[in-house]
Amino acid sequence: MKNLLTCLALAGLALPALAAPAAADAASAPAAKKAPTAQQAKMTACNADAKAKDLKGDERKAFMKTCLSANKQEKQQDKMTSCNAEAKTKDLKGDERKAFMKECLSNKPA
């Protein structure tokens, strides 16, 4: 009987100690998840597309590379279109146009 009481007493002391780490983990967890960054959202979308197309190995790598860089290509195309239009309105030709386009494409934000 003494052994039973001793075991129960020790178990009573041990239970709060075992529950404390779980409570600490719950308390340290953030209240709400942070919103994903633009890159994380893009990665999620590209992963979903690759999975839907059932791509694997090198095919998947190539697809992911293209998918993740697509936005950069679109920005560059938008920049080129904008600079071309501006050069046309300024009626630039030859070396003047070439110099303008070089500066415009390197400095102008997309």
N, C-alpha and C. Protein backbone atom coordinates (compact mmCIF):
# COMPACT_ATOMS: atom_id res chain seq x y z
N MET A 1 0.82 -1.18 0.00
CA MET A 1 0.00 0.00 0.00
C MET A 1 0.87 1.25 0.00
N LYS A 2 1.99 1.20 0.77
CA LYS A 2 2.89 2.35 0.80
C LYS A 2 3.47 2.60 -0.58
N ASN A 3 3.80 1.51 -1.27
CA ASN A 3 4.36 1.65 -2.62
C ASN A 3 3.35 2.29 -3.57
N LEU A 4 2.09 1.90 -3.46
CA LEU A 4 1.05 2.47 -4.30
C LEU A 4 0.90 3.95 -4.05
N LEU A 5 0.88 4.35 -2.79
CA LEU A 5 0.77 5.77 -2.44
C LEU A 5 1.99 6.56 -2.90
N THR A 6 3.15 5.95 -2.79
CA THR A 6 4.38 6.62 -3.23
C THR A 6 4.34 6.83 -4.75
N CYS A 7 3.90 5.81 -5.47
CA CYS A 7 3.81 5.92 -6.93
C CYS A 7 2.81 7.00 -7.34
N LEU A 8 1.67 7.04 -6.66
CA LEU A 8 0.66 8.05 -6.98
C LEU A 8 1.18 9.45 -6.68
N ALA A 9 1.88 9.59 -5.57
CA ALA A 9 2.43 10.90 -5.21
C ALA A 9 3.46 11.35 -6.24
N LEU A 10 4.33 10.42 -6.65
CA LEU A 10 5.34 10.77 -7.65
C LEU A 10 4.68 11.09 -8.99
N ALA A 11 3.66 10.35 -9.35
CA ALA A 11 2.95 10.60 -10.60
C ALA A 11 2.28 11.97 -10.55
N GLY A 12 1.74 12.33 -9.40
CA GLY A 12 1.11 13.65 -9.23
C GLY A 12 2.12 14.77 -9.39
N LEU A 13 3.35 14.53 -8.97
CA LEU A 13 4.40 15.55 -9.13
C LEU A 13 4.92 15.59 -10.56
N ALA A 14 4.94 14.43 -11.21
CA ALA A 14 5.50 14.35 -12.55
C ALA A 14 4.56 14.90 -13.62
N LEU A 15 3.27 14.75 -13.47
CA LEU A 15 2.33 15.19 -14.49
C LEU A 15 2.43 16.69 -14.79
N PRO A 16 2.46 17.56 -13.78
CA PRO A 16 2.60 18.99 -14.11
C PRO A 16 3.93 19.28 -14.81
N ALA A 17 4.98 18.57 -14.46
CA ALA A 17 6.27 18.80 -15.09
C ALA A 17 6.24 18.36 -16.56
N LEU A 18 5.49 17.30 -16.86
CA LEU A 18 5.37 16.84 -18.23
C LEU A 18 4.47 17.76 -19.05
N ALA A 19 3.48 18.34 -18.44
CA ALA A 19 2.55 19.22 -19.15
C ALA A 19 3.15 20.60 -19.40
N ALA A 20 4.11 21.03 -18.61
CA ALA A 20 4.70 22.36 -18.74
C ALA A 20 5.34 22.60 -20.10
N PRO A 21 6.15 21.67 -20.64
CA PRO A 21 6.73 21.95 -21.97
C PRO A 21 5.68 22.11 -23.05
N ALA A 22 4.62 21.35 -23.01
CA ALA A 22 3.56 21.47 -24.01
C ALA A 22 2.90 22.83 -23.92
N ALA A 23 2.67 23.30 -22.69
CA ALA A 23 2.06 24.60 -22.51
C ALA A 23 3.00 25.70 -22.98
N ALA A 24 4.30 25.53 -22.74
CA ALA A 24 5.27 26.52 -23.18
C ALA A 24 5.31 26.58 -24.70
N ASP A 25 5.24 25.42 -25.36
CA ASP A 25 5.22 25.41 -26.83
C ASP A 25 3.99 26.12 -27.37
N ALA A 26 2.86 25.89 -26.77
CA ALA A 26 1.62 26.53 -27.21
C ALA A 26 1.69 28.03 -27.00
N ALA A 27 2.31 28.47 -25.91
CA ALA A 27 2.40 29.89 -25.61
C ALA A 27 3.38 30.58 -26.56
N SER A 28 4.43 29.87 -26.99
CA SER A 28 5.42 30.50 -27.85
C SER A 28 4.99 30.50 -29.32
N ALA A 29 3.97 29.74 -29.68
CA ALA A 29 3.50 29.71 -31.06
C ALA A 29 2.86 31.05 -31.40
N PRO A 30 3.10 31.56 -32.62
CA PRO A 30 2.51 32.84 -32.99
C PRO A 30 0.99 32.73 -33.07
N ALA A 31 0.32 33.82 -32.78
CA ALA A 31 -1.14 33.84 -32.78
C ALA A 31 -1.67 33.58 -34.19
N ALA A 32 -1.03 34.16 -35.19
CA ALA A 32 -1.46 33.97 -36.57
C ALA A 32 -0.23 33.79 -37.44
N LYS A 33 -0.36 33.01 -38.50
CA LYS A 33 0.76 32.80 -39.40
C LYS A 33 1.03 34.08 -40.18
N LYS A 34 2.31 34.30 -40.47
CA LYS A 34 2.68 35.45 -41.29
C LYS A 34 2.26 35.18 -42.73
N ALA A 35 1.91 36.23 -43.43
CA ALA A 35 1.56 36.09 -44.84
C ALA A 35 2.82 35.71 -45.62
N PRO A 36 2.68 34.84 -46.61
CA PRO A 36 3.87 34.45 -47.38
C PRO A 36 4.39 35.62 -48.21
N THR A 37 5.69 35.64 -48.42
CA THR A 37 6.29 36.67 -49.26
C THR A 37 5.88 36.41 -50.70
N ALA A 38 6.16 37.36 -51.56
CA ALA A 38 5.81 37.20 -52.98
C ALA A 38 6.54 35.99 -53.57
N GLN A 39 7.80 35.83 -53.20
CA GLN A 39 8.59 34.70 -53.71
C GLN A 39 8.01 33.37 -53.21
N GLN A 40 7.59 33.33 -51.94
CA GLN A 40 7.01 32.10 -51.39
C GLN A 40 5.69 31.77 -52.09
N ALA A 41 4.89 32.78 -52.35
CA ALA A 41 3.61 32.57 -53.03
C ALA A 41 3.86 32.06 -54.46
N LYS A 42 4.86 32.63 -55.11
CA LYS A 42 5.20 32.21 -56.47
C LYS A 42 5.69 30.76 -56.47
N MET A 43 6.52 30.42 -55.49
CA MET A 43 7.04 29.06 -55.37
C MET A 43 5.89 28.08 -55.16
N THR A 44 4.95 28.44 -54.32
CA THR A 44 3.79 27.59 -54.06
C THR A 44 2.99 27.37 -55.35
N ALA A 45 2.76 28.44 -56.10
CA ALA A 45 2.00 28.34 -57.34
C ALA A 45 2.73 27.48 -58.37
N CYS A 46 4.03 27.70 -58.50
CA CYS A 46 4.82 26.92 -59.47
C CYS A 46 4.85 25.44 -59.07
N ASN A 47 4.99 25.17 -57.78
CA ASN A 47 4.98 23.78 -57.30
C ASN A 47 3.65 23.12 -57.62
N ALA A 48 2.56 23.84 -57.41
CA ALA A 48 1.24 23.29 -57.69
C ALA A 48 1.08 22.99 -59.18
N ASP A 49 1.58 23.90 -60.03
CA ASP A 49 1.50 23.68 -61.48
C ASP A 49 2.33 22.46 -61.88
N ALA A 50 3.53 22.35 -61.33
CA ALA A 50 4.40 21.21 -61.66
C ALA A 50 3.76 19.90 -61.21
N LYS A 51 3.13 19.93 -60.05
CA LYS A 51 2.47 18.72 -59.54
C LYS A 51 1.28 18.36 -60.42
N ALA A 52 0.51 19.37 -60.83
CA ALA A 52 -0.66 19.12 -61.68
C ALA A 52 -0.23 18.53 -63.03
N LYS A 53 0.93 18.94 -63.51
CA LYS A 53 1.44 18.42 -64.78
C LYS A 53 2.21 17.13 -64.60
N ASP A 54 2.34 16.68 -63.34
CA ASP A 54 3.03 15.44 -62.98
C ASP A 54 4.47 15.41 -63.52
N LEU A 55 5.18 16.54 -63.33
CA LEU A 55 6.56 16.63 -63.79
C LEU A 55 7.51 16.07 -62.76
N LYS A 56 8.59 15.45 -63.24
CA LYS A 56 9.58 14.87 -62.34
C LYS A 56 10.97 15.08 -62.92
N GLY A 57 11.96 15.06 -62.05
CA GLY A 57 13.36 15.11 -62.47
C GLY A 57 13.74 16.38 -63.20
N ASP A 58 14.49 16.20 -64.30
CA ASP A 58 14.99 17.33 -65.07
C ASP A 58 13.86 18.16 -65.68
N GLU A 59 12.77 17.49 -66.07
CA GLU A 59 11.63 18.21 -66.63
C GLU A 59 11.07 19.19 -65.60
N ARG A 60 10.96 18.72 -64.35
CA ARG A 60 10.43 19.56 -63.28
C ARG A 60 11.38 20.72 -62.99
N LYS A 61 12.68 20.43 -62.97
CA LYS A 61 13.67 21.49 -62.72
C LYS A 61 13.56 22.59 -63.76
N ALA A 62 13.49 22.17 -65.03
CA ALA A 62 13.39 23.15 -66.11
C ALA A 62 12.10 23.96 -66.01
N PHE A 63 11.01 23.28 -65.70
CA PHE A 63 9.73 23.97 -65.55
C PHE A 63 9.78 24.98 -64.40
N MET A 64 10.32 24.56 -63.26
CA MET A 64 10.39 25.44 -62.09
C MET A 64 11.26 26.66 -62.39
N LYS A 65 12.36 26.45 -63.07
CA LYS A 65 13.25 27.57 -63.41
C LYS A 65 12.51 28.59 -64.28
N THR A 66 11.81 28.10 -65.28
CA THR A 66 11.06 28.98 -66.17
C THR A 66 9.92 29.66 -65.42
N CYS A 67 9.21 28.89 -64.63
CA CYS A 67 8.06 29.43 -63.89
C CYS A 67 8.49 30.52 -62.91
N LEU A 68 9.56 30.26 -62.18
CA LEU A 68 10.00 31.22 -61.17
C LEU A 68 10.62 32.47 -61.78
N SER A 69 11.14 32.39 -62.99
CA SER A 69 11.73 33.56 -63.62
C SER A 69 10.77 34.27 -64.56
N ALA A 70 9.58 33.74 -64.73
CA ALA A 70 8.61 34.32 -65.66
C ALA A 70 8.31 35.77 -65.34
N ASN A 71 8.16 36.10 -64.09
CA ASN A 71 7.84 37.47 -63.70
C ASN A 71 8.96 38.42 -64.08
N LYS A 72 10.21 37.99 -63.92
CA LYS A 72 11.35 38.83 -64.29
C LYS A 72 11.32 39.11 -65.79
N GLN A 73 11.00 38.09 -66.58
CA GLN A 73 10.95 38.25 -68.03
C GLN A 73 9.84 39.22 -68.42
N GLU A 74 8.69 39.12 -67.76
CA GLU A 74 7.58 40.03 -68.04
C GLU A 74 7.96 41.46 -67.70
N LYS A 75 8.64 41.65 -66.58
CA LYS A 75 9.06 42.99 -66.19
C LYS A 75 10.02 43.57 -67.22
N GLN A 76 10.96 42.76 -67.69
CA GLN A 76 11.92 43.21 -68.69
C GLN A 76 11.21 43.56 -69.99
N GLN A 77 10.23 42.76 -70.38
CA GLN A 77 9.48 43.05 -71.61
C GLN A 77 8.68 44.34 -71.45
N ASP A 78 8.09 44.54 -70.28
CA ASP A 78 7.35 45.77 -70.02
C ASP A 78 8.28 46.97 -70.10
N LYS A 79 9.46 46.82 -69.53
CA LYS A 79 10.46 47.89 -69.54
C LYS A 79 10.87 48.21 -70.98
N MET A 80 11.09 47.18 -71.77
CA MET A 80 11.50 47.36 -73.17
C MET A 80 10.40 48.09 -73.95
N THR A 81 9.17 47.68 -73.76
CA THR A 81 8.04 48.31 -74.44
C THR A 81 7.95 49.79 -74.08
N SER A 82 8.08 50.06 -72.79
CA SER A 82 8.00 51.44 -72.30
C SER A 82 9.13 52.30 -72.87
N CYS A 83 10.34 51.77 -72.85
CA CYS A 83 11.50 52.52 -73.36
C CYS A 83 11.38 52.75 -74.86
N ASN A 84 10.91 51.74 -75.60
CA ASN A 84 10.71 51.88 -77.05
C ASN A 84 9.70 52.99 -77.35
N ALA A 85 8.60 52.99 -76.60
CA ALA A 85 7.58 54.01 -76.81
C ALA A 85 8.13 55.40 -76.53
N GLU A 86 8.90 55.52 -75.45
CA GLU A 86 9.48 56.81 -75.09
C GLU A 86 10.48 57.26 -76.16
N ALA A 87 11.30 56.36 -76.67
CA ALA A 87 12.26 56.70 -77.71
C ALA A 87 11.54 57.15 -78.98
N LYS A 88 10.41 56.49 -79.26
CA LYS A 88 9.65 56.85 -80.46
C LYS A 88 9.04 58.24 -80.32
N THR A 89 8.49 58.56 -79.15
CA THR A 89 7.90 59.89 -78.94
C THR A 89 8.95 60.99 -79.01
N LYS A 90 10.19 60.66 -78.61
CA LYS A 90 11.29 61.63 -78.68
C LYS A 90 11.93 61.66 -80.07
N ASP A 91 11.45 60.77 -80.95
CA ASP A 91 11.94 60.67 -82.32
C ASP A 91 13.46 60.49 -82.38
N LEU A 92 13.95 59.55 -81.54
CA LEU A 92 15.39 59.30 -81.49
C LEU A 92 15.77 58.29 -82.56
N LYS A 93 16.95 58.48 -83.14
CA LYS A 93 17.45 57.59 -84.18
C LYS A 93 18.93 57.31 -83.95
N GLY A 94 19.41 56.19 -84.47
CA GLY A 94 20.84 55.86 -84.47
C GLY A 94 21.47 55.77 -83.10
N ASP A 95 22.64 56.42 -82.98
CA ASP A 95 23.40 56.36 -81.73
C ASP A 95 22.65 57.00 -80.56
N GLU A 96 21.90 58.08 -80.84
CA GLU A 96 21.11 58.72 -79.77
C GLU A 96 20.11 57.72 -79.18
N ARG A 97 19.43 57.01 -80.08
CA ARG A 97 18.43 56.02 -79.63
C ARG A 97 19.10 54.89 -78.85
N LYS A 98 20.22 54.43 -79.37
CA LYS A 98 20.96 53.34 -78.73
C LYS A 98 21.38 53.74 -77.32
N ALA A 99 21.92 54.94 -77.16
CA ALA A 99 22.35 55.43 -75.84
C ALA A 99 21.16 55.60 -74.90
N PHE A 100 20.06 56.14 -75.47
CA PHE A 100 18.86 56.32 -74.66
C PHE A 100 18.32 54.98 -74.17
N MET A 101 18.23 54.01 -75.07
CA MET A 101 17.70 52.69 -74.72
C MET A 101 18.57 52.01 -73.66
N LYS A 102 19.88 52.15 -73.82
CA LYS A 102 20.78 51.53 -72.85
C LYS A 102 20.53 52.10 -71.45
N GLU A 103 20.44 53.42 -71.37
CA GLU A 103 20.20 54.06 -70.07
C GLU A 103 18.80 53.74 -69.55
N CYS A 104 17.83 53.82 -70.41
CA CYS A 104 16.44 53.57 -70.01
C CYS A 104 16.28 52.14 -69.46
N LEU A 105 16.83 51.17 -70.16
CA LEU A 105 16.66 49.78 -69.75
C LEU A 105 17.44 49.44 -68.47
N SER A 106 18.51 50.16 -68.22
CA SER A 106 19.30 49.86 -67.02
C SER A 106 18.81 50.61 -65.80
N ASN A 107 18.16 51.74 -65.97
CA ASN A 107 17.75 52.56 -64.83
C ASN A 107 16.27 52.54 -64.51
N LYS A 108 15.46 52.46 -65.49
CA LYS A 108 14.02 52.62 -65.32
C LYS A 108 13.42 51.42 -64.58
N PRO A 109 12.72 51.66 -63.47
CA PRO A 109 12.08 50.53 -62.78
C PRO A 109 10.93 49.99 -63.61
N ALA A 110 10.73 48.67 -63.48
CA ALA A 110 9.66 48.03 -64.27
C ALA A 110 8.32 48.36 -63.68
